Amino acid sequence: MDSINTDHFDVGRMTWLDTDPHLTLGGSAVDSARAAIAEYRLNRVAIDVDTPAPAIVRLADLWYPDWVVTVDGKRAPVIKADYLLRAVAVPAGRHRVEFRFESKAVRTGLLLSALGIAVSIALLLAGVIARRRAAPRAEAA
């Protein structure tokens, strides 16, 4: 972290990556690269990228293991950048980069909650039906 706080670290031109993207980056050719946010929602970010050479697209949002990224619809590895941000390597050209939050824990929790609600409703309905069936017998006696 100390290396980021130095005066000679230009955050616009340099980033620290957690893993090697196995990509030869474009160098000064990347100066003409452009990235524009096409959509920004809570669980999804879409970015239109145009770069003359391979590049790293770094998003100033927190990295978390449940984020997935696609480049032109194909899954790509999410790279941890600058110790806490998320990034992805992109080849030269125009691309659509999409980050999506896909948490298995959240999906499982929602499924179990829905199942619990469905079982509760079914038990309530079963109780109401059982009482209605038992009521005519009690009146007959």
N, C-alpha and C. Protein backbone atom coordinates (compact mmCIF):
# COMPACT_ATOMS: atom_id res chain seq x y z
N MET A 1 0.82 -1.19 0.00
CA MET A 1 0.00 0.00 0.00
C MET A 1 0.86 1.26 0.00
N ASP A 2 2.03 1.18 0.62
CA ASP A 2 2.89 2.36 0.65
C ASP A 2 3.30 2.80 -0.74
N SER A 3 3.45 1.84 -1.66
CA SER A 3 3.87 2.20 -3.01
C SER A 3 2.81 3.01 -3.74
N ILE A 4 1.55 2.84 -3.38
CA ILE A 4 0.47 3.60 -4.02
C ILE A 4 0.46 5.04 -3.52
N ASN A 5 0.87 5.25 -2.28
CA ASN A 5 0.84 6.59 -1.69
C ASN A 5 2.01 7.48 -2.13
N THR A 6 2.94 6.98 -2.90
CA THR A 6 4.06 7.79 -3.32
C THR A 6 3.66 8.76 -4.42
N ASP A 7 4.42 9.82 -4.58
CA ASP A 7 4.12 10.84 -5.58
C ASP A 7 4.33 10.35 -7.01
N HIS A 8 5.18 9.34 -7.20
CA HIS A 8 5.49 8.89 -8.56
C HIS A 8 4.52 7.82 -9.07
N PHE A 9 3.46 7.55 -8.34
CA PHE A 9 2.47 6.56 -8.77
C PHE A 9 1.29 7.29 -9.40
N ASP A 10 1.12 7.16 -10.71
CA ASP A 10 0.02 7.79 -11.44
C ASP A 10 -1.10 6.76 -11.60
N VAL A 11 -2.17 6.92 -10.83
CA VAL A 11 -3.26 5.93 -10.84
C VAL A 11 -3.96 5.84 -12.19
N GLY A 12 -3.81 6.84 -13.03
CA GLY A 12 -4.40 6.79 -14.36
C GLY A 12 -3.61 5.95 -15.34
N ARG A 13 -2.34 5.71 -15.04
CA ARG A 13 -1.47 4.99 -15.97
C ARG A 13 -0.92 3.69 -15.40
N MET A 14 -1.12 3.44 -14.14
CA MET A 14 -0.50 2.27 -13.51
C MET A 14 -1.46 1.66 -12.50
N THR A 15 -1.43 0.34 -12.41
CA THR A 15 -2.25 -0.35 -11.42
C THR A 15 -1.49 -1.58 -10.94
N TRP A 16 -1.74 -1.97 -9.72
CA TRP A 16 -1.16 -3.19 -9.16
C TRP A 16 -2.18 -4.30 -9.32
N LEU A 17 -1.75 -5.42 -9.89
CA LEU A 17 -2.65 -6.55 -10.12
C LEU A 17 -2.29 -7.69 -9.19
N ASP A 18 -3.31 -8.37 -8.70
CA ASP A 18 -3.13 -9.50 -7.80
C ASP A 18 -2.60 -10.73 -8.55
N THR A 19 -2.99 -10.87 -9.81
CA THR A 19 -2.54 -12.01 -10.63
C THR A 19 -2.06 -11.50 -11.98
N ASP A 20 -1.24 -12.29 -12.61
CA ASP A 20 -0.71 -11.94 -13.93
C ASP A 20 -1.78 -12.23 -14.99
N PRO A 21 -2.18 -11.23 -15.77
CA PRO A 21 -3.21 -11.46 -16.78
C PRO A 21 -2.69 -12.18 -18.02
N HIS A 22 -1.38 -12.49 -18.07
CA HIS A 22 -0.77 -13.17 -19.22
C HIS A 22 -1.12 -12.44 -20.51
N LEU A 23 -0.85 -11.16 -20.52
CA LEU A 23 -1.23 -10.29 -21.62
C LEU A 23 -0.12 -9.28 -21.83
N THR A 24 0.31 -9.10 -23.06
CA THR A 24 1.26 -8.04 -23.37
C THR A 24 0.45 -6.77 -23.60
N LEU A 25 0.60 -5.84 -22.68
CA LEU A 25 -0.22 -4.62 -22.73
C LEU A 25 0.29 -3.67 -23.80
N GLY A 26 -0.55 -2.76 -24.21
CA GLY A 26 -0.29 -1.90 -25.34
C GLY A 26 0.67 -0.76 -25.14
N GLY A 27 1.14 -0.50 -23.94
CA GLY A 27 2.07 0.60 -23.72
C GLY A 27 1.41 1.94 -24.01
N SER A 28 2.12 2.83 -24.70
CA SER A 28 1.61 4.17 -24.95
C SER A 28 0.43 4.17 -25.92
N ALA A 29 0.25 3.10 -26.69
CA ALA A 29 -0.90 3.03 -27.61
C ALA A 29 -2.21 3.06 -26.84
N VAL A 30 -2.18 2.64 -25.58
CA VAL A 30 -3.39 2.59 -24.77
C VAL A 30 -3.85 3.99 -24.38
N ASP A 31 -2.99 5.00 -24.59
CA ASP A 31 -3.39 6.38 -24.27
C ASP A 31 -4.63 6.81 -25.06
N SER A 32 -4.84 6.24 -26.22
CA SER A 32 -6.02 6.60 -27.01
C SER A 32 -7.21 5.68 -26.72
N ALA A 33 -7.06 4.77 -25.78
CA ALA A 33 -8.16 3.86 -25.42
C ALA A 33 -9.28 4.63 -24.75
N ARG A 34 -10.49 4.15 -24.94
CA ARG A 34 -11.67 4.78 -24.36
C ARG A 34 -12.54 3.72 -23.70
N ALA A 35 -13.13 4.11 -22.58
CA ALA A 35 -14.09 3.25 -21.89
C ALA A 35 -15.24 4.13 -21.41
N ALA A 36 -16.46 3.67 -21.64
CA ALA A 36 -17.65 4.42 -21.23
C ALA A 36 -18.63 3.48 -20.53
N ILE A 37 -19.14 3.93 -19.40
CA ILE A 37 -20.13 3.15 -18.67
C ILE A 37 -21.43 3.18 -19.47
N ALA A 38 -21.88 2.02 -19.91
CA ALA A 38 -23.13 1.92 -20.66
C ALA A 38 -24.32 1.71 -19.72
N GLU A 39 -24.07 1.02 -18.61
CA GLU A 39 -25.13 0.75 -17.64
C GLU A 39 -24.48 0.53 -16.28
N TYR A 40 -25.05 1.13 -15.26
CA TYR A 40 -24.52 0.98 -13.90
C TYR A 40 -25.68 0.75 -12.95
N ARG A 41 -25.79 -0.51 -12.50
CA ARG A 41 -26.83 -0.86 -11.54
C ARG A 41 -26.18 -1.54 -10.34
N LEU A 42 -26.98 -1.83 -9.33
CA LEU A 42 -26.46 -2.40 -8.10
C LEU A 42 -25.68 -3.69 -8.33
N ASN A 43 -26.21 -4.60 -9.13
CA ASN A 43 -25.59 -5.91 -9.34
C ASN A 43 -25.06 -6.11 -10.75
N ARG A 44 -24.97 -5.04 -11.53
CA ARG A 44 -24.51 -5.17 -12.92
C ARG A 44 -23.91 -3.85 -13.39
N VAL A 45 -22.74 -3.97 -14.03
CA VAL A 45 -22.10 -2.80 -14.64
C VAL A 45 -21.68 -3.21 -16.05
N ALA A 46 -22.09 -2.43 -17.05
CA ALA A 46 -21.71 -2.69 -18.44
C ALA A 46 -20.84 -1.53 -18.92
N ILE A 47 -19.74 -1.87 -19.57
CA ILE A 47 -18.78 -0.88 -20.03
C ILE A 47 -18.47 -1.14 -21.50
N ASP A 48 -18.54 -0.09 -22.32
CA ASP A 48 -18.12 -0.19 -23.72
C ASP A 48 -16.67 0.28 -23.80
N VAL A 49 -15.82 -0.60 -24.33
CA VAL A 49 -14.38 -0.34 -24.36
C VAL A 49 -13.91 -0.32 -25.81
N ASP A 50 -13.04 0.62 -26.14
CA ASP A 50 -12.40 0.69 -27.46
C ASP A 50 -10.92 0.96 -27.21
N THR A 51 -10.09 -0.01 -27.50
CA THR A 51 -8.66 0.13 -27.23
C THR A 51 -7.84 -0.36 -28.43
N PRO A 52 -6.80 0.38 -28.82
CA PRO A 52 -6.00 -0.01 -29.97
C PRO A 52 -5.05 -1.18 -29.69
N ALA A 53 -4.89 -1.52 -28.41
CA ALA A 53 -3.98 -2.60 -28.01
C ALA A 53 -4.57 -3.28 -26.78
N PRO A 54 -4.10 -4.46 -26.43
CA PRO A 54 -4.59 -5.12 -25.21
C PRO A 54 -4.44 -4.18 -24.01
N ALA A 55 -5.42 -4.24 -23.10
CA ALA A 55 -5.43 -3.33 -21.95
C ALA A 55 -6.10 -3.96 -20.75
N ILE A 56 -5.96 -3.29 -19.63
CA ILE A 56 -6.65 -3.66 -18.40
C ILE A 56 -7.74 -2.62 -18.16
N VAL A 57 -8.97 -3.10 -17.98
CA VAL A 57 -10.07 -2.21 -17.61
C VAL A 57 -10.24 -2.35 -16.11
N ARG A 58 -9.99 -1.27 -15.40
CA ARG A 58 -10.09 -1.25 -13.94
C ARG A 58 -11.33 -0.45 -13.56
N LEU A 59 -12.17 -1.05 -12.74
CA LEU A 59 -13.39 -0.41 -12.28
C LEU A 59 -13.17 0.04 -10.84
N ALA A 60 -13.49 1.26 -10.54
CA ALA A 60 -13.27 1.80 -9.20
C ALA A 60 -14.38 1.36 -8.26
N ASP A 61 -14.66 0.08 -8.24
CA ASP A 61 -15.63 -0.54 -7.34
C ASP A 61 -14.92 -1.68 -6.63
N LEU A 62 -15.43 -2.05 -5.47
CA LEU A 62 -14.77 -3.06 -4.66
C LEU A 62 -14.79 -4.45 -5.31
N TRP A 63 -13.66 -5.13 -5.17
CA TRP A 63 -13.54 -6.52 -5.60
C TRP A 63 -14.23 -7.38 -4.55
N TYR A 64 -14.91 -8.42 -4.99
CA TYR A 64 -15.51 -9.42 -4.12
C TYR A 64 -15.58 -10.70 -4.93
N PRO A 65 -15.35 -11.85 -4.30
CA PRO A 65 -15.26 -13.08 -5.10
C PRO A 65 -16.52 -13.47 -5.87
N ASP A 66 -17.67 -12.92 -5.52
CA ASP A 66 -18.91 -13.28 -6.23
C ASP A 66 -19.18 -12.45 -7.47
N TRP A 67 -18.27 -11.55 -7.83
CA TRP A 67 -18.41 -10.81 -9.08
C TRP A 67 -17.89 -11.69 -10.22
N VAL A 68 -18.62 -11.71 -11.32
CA VAL A 68 -18.17 -12.40 -12.53
C VAL A 68 -18.12 -11.37 -13.64
N VAL A 69 -17.27 -11.61 -14.62
CA VAL A 69 -17.14 -10.65 -15.72
C VAL A 69 -17.14 -11.40 -17.04
N THR A 70 -17.76 -10.76 -18.03
CA THR A 70 -17.71 -11.29 -19.39
C THR A 70 -17.20 -10.19 -20.31
N VAL A 71 -16.46 -10.61 -21.33
CA VAL A 71 -16.02 -9.70 -22.38
C VAL A 71 -16.66 -10.21 -23.66
N ASP A 72 -17.55 -9.43 -24.22
CA ASP A 72 -18.33 -9.82 -25.40
C ASP A 72 -19.08 -11.14 -25.16
N GLY A 73 -19.61 -11.29 -23.94
CA GLY A 73 -20.41 -12.47 -23.61
C GLY A 73 -19.60 -13.69 -23.20
N LYS A 74 -18.28 -13.64 -23.26
CA LYS A 74 -17.44 -14.77 -22.87
C LYS A 74 -16.84 -14.51 -21.50
N ARG A 75 -16.95 -15.50 -20.63
CA ARG A 75 -16.45 -15.37 -19.26
C ARG A 75 -14.96 -15.07 -19.26
N ALA A 76 -14.54 -14.17 -18.37
CA ALA A 76 -13.13 -13.80 -18.21
C ALA A 76 -12.84 -13.74 -16.71
N PRO A 77 -11.58 -13.88 -16.33
CA PRO A 77 -11.27 -13.81 -14.90
C PRO A 77 -11.33 -12.37 -14.37
N VAL A 78 -11.92 -12.22 -13.20
CA VAL A 78 -11.92 -10.93 -12.51
C VAL A 78 -10.58 -10.83 -11.78
N ILE A 79 -9.89 -9.75 -12.02
CA ILE A 79 -8.57 -9.54 -11.42
C ILE A 79 -8.70 -8.52 -10.30
N LYS A 80 -8.08 -8.82 -9.16
CA LYS A 80 -8.06 -7.85 -8.07
C LYS A 80 -6.99 -6.82 -8.39
N ALA A 81 -7.39 -5.55 -8.44
CA ALA A 81 -6.48 -4.46 -8.81
C ALA A 81 -6.33 -3.49 -7.64
N ASP A 82 -5.12 -3.01 -7.46
CA ASP A 82 -4.82 -2.05 -6.40
C ASP A 82 -5.35 -2.50 -5.04
N TYR A 83 -5.24 -3.78 -4.78
CA TYR A 83 -5.57 -4.43 -3.51
C TYR A 83 -7.05 -4.53 -3.19
N LEU A 84 -7.92 -3.74 -3.83
CA LEU A 84 -9.33 -3.80 -3.45
C LEU A 84 -10.31 -3.49 -4.57
N LEU A 85 -9.83 -3.22 -5.77
CA LEU A 85 -10.72 -2.92 -6.89
C LEU A 85 -10.82 -4.12 -7.82
N ARG A 86 -11.73 -4.08 -8.79
CA ARG A 86 -11.84 -5.18 -9.74
C ARG A 86 -11.46 -4.70 -11.13
N ALA A 87 -10.89 -5.63 -11.89
CA ALA A 87 -10.40 -5.31 -13.23
C ALA A 87 -10.53 -6.55 -14.11
N VAL A 88 -10.34 -6.32 -15.42
CA VAL A 88 -10.37 -7.41 -16.39
C VAL A 88 -9.44 -7.06 -17.54
N ALA A 89 -8.80 -8.06 -18.10
CA ALA A 89 -7.96 -7.86 -19.28
C ALA A 89 -8.83 -7.93 -20.53
N VAL A 90 -8.60 -7.01 -21.46
CA VAL A 90 -9.35 -7.00 -22.72
C VAL A 90 -8.38 -6.95 -23.89
N PRO A 91 -8.69 -7.65 -24.96
CA PRO A 91 -7.84 -7.57 -26.16
C PRO A 91 -8.10 -6.26 -26.90
N ALA A 92 -7.29 -6.01 -27.89
CA ALA A 92 -7.47 -4.79 -28.71
C ALA A 92 -8.82 -4.83 -29.41
N GLY A 93 -9.39 -3.66 -29.63
CA GLY A 93 -10.65 -3.55 -30.37
C GLY A 93 -11.78 -3.02 -29.51
N ARG A 94 -12.99 -3.13 -30.08
CA ARG A 94 -14.20 -2.69 -29.38
C ARG A 94 -14.82 -3.88 -28.66
N HIS A 95 -15.18 -3.67 -27.41
CA HIS A 95 -15.72 -4.77 -26.60
C HIS A 95 -16.77 -4.25 -25.64
N ARG A 96 -17.66 -5.16 -25.25
CA ARG A 96 -18.63 -4.89 -24.18
C ARG A 96 -18.17 -5.73 -22.98
N VAL A 97 -17.87 -5.05 -21.89
CA VAL A 97 -17.45 -5.70 -20.65
C VAL A 97 -18.61 -5.60 -19.67
N GLU A 98 -19.00 -6.73 -19.08
CA GLU A 98 -20.10 -6.74 -18.12
C GLU A 98 -19.66 -7.42 -16.83
N PHE A 99 -19.76 -6.68 -15.74
CA PHE A 99 -19.56 -7.24 -14.40
C PHE A 99 -20.93 -7.52 -13.83
N ARG A 100 -21.13 -8.74 -13.29
CA ARG A 100 -22.39 -9.12 -12.65
C ARG A 100 -22.09 -9.76 -11.29
N PHE A 101 -22.92 -9.42 -10.32
CA PHE A 101 -22.78 -10.02 -9.00
C PHE A 101 -23.66 -11.25 -8.96
N GLU A 102 -23.04 -12.41 -8.82
CA GLU A 102 -23.78 -13.68 -8.82
C GLU A 102 -23.38 -14.48 -7.59
N SER A 103 -24.04 -14.21 -6.49
CA SER A 103 -23.71 -14.85 -5.23
C SER A 103 -24.52 -16.13 -5.05
N LYS A 104 -23.84 -17.24 -4.89
CA LYS A 104 -24.53 -18.51 -4.64
C LYS A 104 -25.22 -18.47 -3.28
N ALA A 105 -24.61 -17.81 -2.31
CA ALA A 105 -25.21 -17.71 -0.97
C ALA A 105 -26.51 -16.93 -1.02
N VAL A 106 -26.56 -15.84 -1.77
CA VAL A 106 -27.78 -15.05 -1.89
C VAL A 106 -28.86 -15.85 -2.60
N ARG A 107 -28.49 -16.53 -3.70
CA ARG A 107 -29.47 -17.35 -4.43
C ARG A 107 -30.02 -18.46 -3.55
N THR A 108 -29.14 -19.13 -2.81
CA THR A 108 -29.57 -20.21 -1.92
C THR A 108 -30.49 -19.67 -0.83
N GLY A 109 -30.14 -18.53 -0.26
CA GLY A 109 -30.98 -17.92 0.77
C GLY A 109 -32.35 -17.54 0.25
N LEU A 110 -32.40 -16.96 -0.94
CA LEU A 110 -33.69 -16.61 -1.54
C LEU A 110 -34.53 -17.85 -1.83
N LEU A 111 -33.89 -18.90 -2.33
CA LEU A 111 -34.61 -20.14 -2.62
C LEU A 111 -35.17 -20.76 -1.34
N LEU A 112 -34.35 -20.81 -0.29
CA LEU A 112 -34.82 -21.38 0.98
C LEU A 112 -35.93 -20.52 1.60
N SER A 113 -35.81 -19.20 1.48
CA SER A 113 -36.86 -18.32 1.99
C SER A 113 -38.17 -18.55 1.23
N ALA A 114 -38.11 -18.63 -0.08
CA ALA A 114 -39.31 -18.88 -0.89
C ALA A 114 -39.91 -20.24 -0.55
N LEU A 115 -39.06 -21.24 -0.38
CA LEU A 115 -39.54 -22.57 -0.01
C LEU A 115 -40.22 -22.54 1.36
N GLY A 116 -39.62 -21.82 2.31
CA GLY A 116 -40.21 -21.70 3.65
C GLY A 116 -41.57 -21.01 3.61
N ILE A 117 -41.68 -19.96 2.80
CA ILE A 117 -42.97 -19.26 2.66
C ILE A 117 -44.01 -20.18 2.03
N ALA A 118 -43.61 -20.92 1.00
CA ALA A 118 -44.54 -21.84 0.33
C ALA A 118 -45.02 -22.92 1.30
N VAL A 119 -44.12 -23.47 2.09
CA VAL A 119 -44.51 -24.50 3.07
C VAL A 119 -45.44 -23.91 4.12
N SER A 120 -45.15 -22.70 4.58
CA SER A 120 -46.01 -22.04 5.58
C SER A 120 -47.41 -21.81 5.04
N ILE A 121 -47.50 -21.33 3.81
CA ILE A 121 -48.82 -21.10 3.20
C ILE A 121 -49.56 -22.43 3.03
N ALA A 122 -48.84 -23.46 2.59
CA ALA A 122 -49.48 -24.77 2.42
C ALA A 122 -50.01 -25.30 3.75
N LEU A 123 -49.24 -25.13 4.84
CA LEU A 123 -49.70 -25.59 6.16
C LEU A 123 -50.91 -24.79 6.64
N LEU A 124 -50.89 -23.47 6.40
CA LEU A 124 -52.05 -22.65 6.77
C LEU A 124 -53.30 -23.08 6.01
N LEU A 125 -53.14 -23.28 4.70
CA LEU A 125 -54.29 -23.74 3.89
C LEU A 125 -54.77 -25.11 4.34
N ALA A 126 -53.84 -26.01 4.66
CA ALA A 126 -54.23 -27.35 5.13
C ALA A 126 -55.01 -27.24 6.44
N GLY A 127 -54.61 -26.34 7.33
CA GLY A 127 -55.33 -26.13 8.60
C GLY A 127 -56.72 -25.59 8.37
N VAL A 128 -56.85 -24.62 7.46
CA VAL A 128 -58.17 -24.04 7.15
C VAL A 128 -59.07 -25.11 6.55
N ILE A 129 -58.57 -25.89 5.62
CA ILE A 129 -59.36 -26.95 4.99
C ILE A 129 -59.77 -28.00 6.01
N ALA A 130 -58.85 -28.37 6.89
CA ALA A 130 -59.17 -29.38 7.91
C ALA A 130 -60.25 -28.88 8.86
N ARG A 131 -60.20 -27.59 9.24
CA ARG A 131 -61.23 -27.03 10.12
C ARG A 131 -62.59 -26.99 9.43
N ARG A 132 -62.60 -26.64 8.15
CA ARG A 132 -63.88 -26.59 7.42
C ARG A 132 -64.49 -27.98 7.28
N ARG A 133 -63.68 -28.98 7.09
CA ARG A 133 -64.20 -30.34 6.98
C ARG A 133 -64.70 -30.85 8.33
N ALA A 134 -64.02 -30.43 9.39
CA ALA A 134 -64.40 -30.89 10.73
C ALA A 134 -65.65 -30.15 11.24
N ALA A 135 -65.91 -28.93 10.77
CA ALA A 135 -67.05 -28.13 11.24
C ALA A 135 -68.39 -28.79 10.94
N PRO A 136 -68.66 -29.31 9.74
CA PRO A 136 -69.98 -29.95 9.49
C PRO A 136 -70.19 -31.19 10.37
N ARG A 137 -69.16 -31.93 10.68
CA ARG A 137 -69.32 -33.10 11.53
C ARG A 137 -69.68 -32.70 12.95
N ALA A 138 -69.09 -31.58 13.41
CA ALA A 138 -69.39 -31.13 14.78
C ALA A 138 -70.84 -30.64 14.86
N GLU A 139 -71.36 -30.00 13.81
CA GLU A 139 -72.73 -29.52 13.81
C GLU A 139 -73.72 -30.68 13.74
N ALA A 140 -73.35 -31.75 13.07
CA ALA A 140 -74.24 -32.91 12.93
C ALA A 140 -74.37 -33.67 14.23
N ALA A 141 -73.39 -33.60 15.07
CA ALA A 141 -73.41 -34.35 16.31
C ALA A 141 -74.22 -33.67 17.33
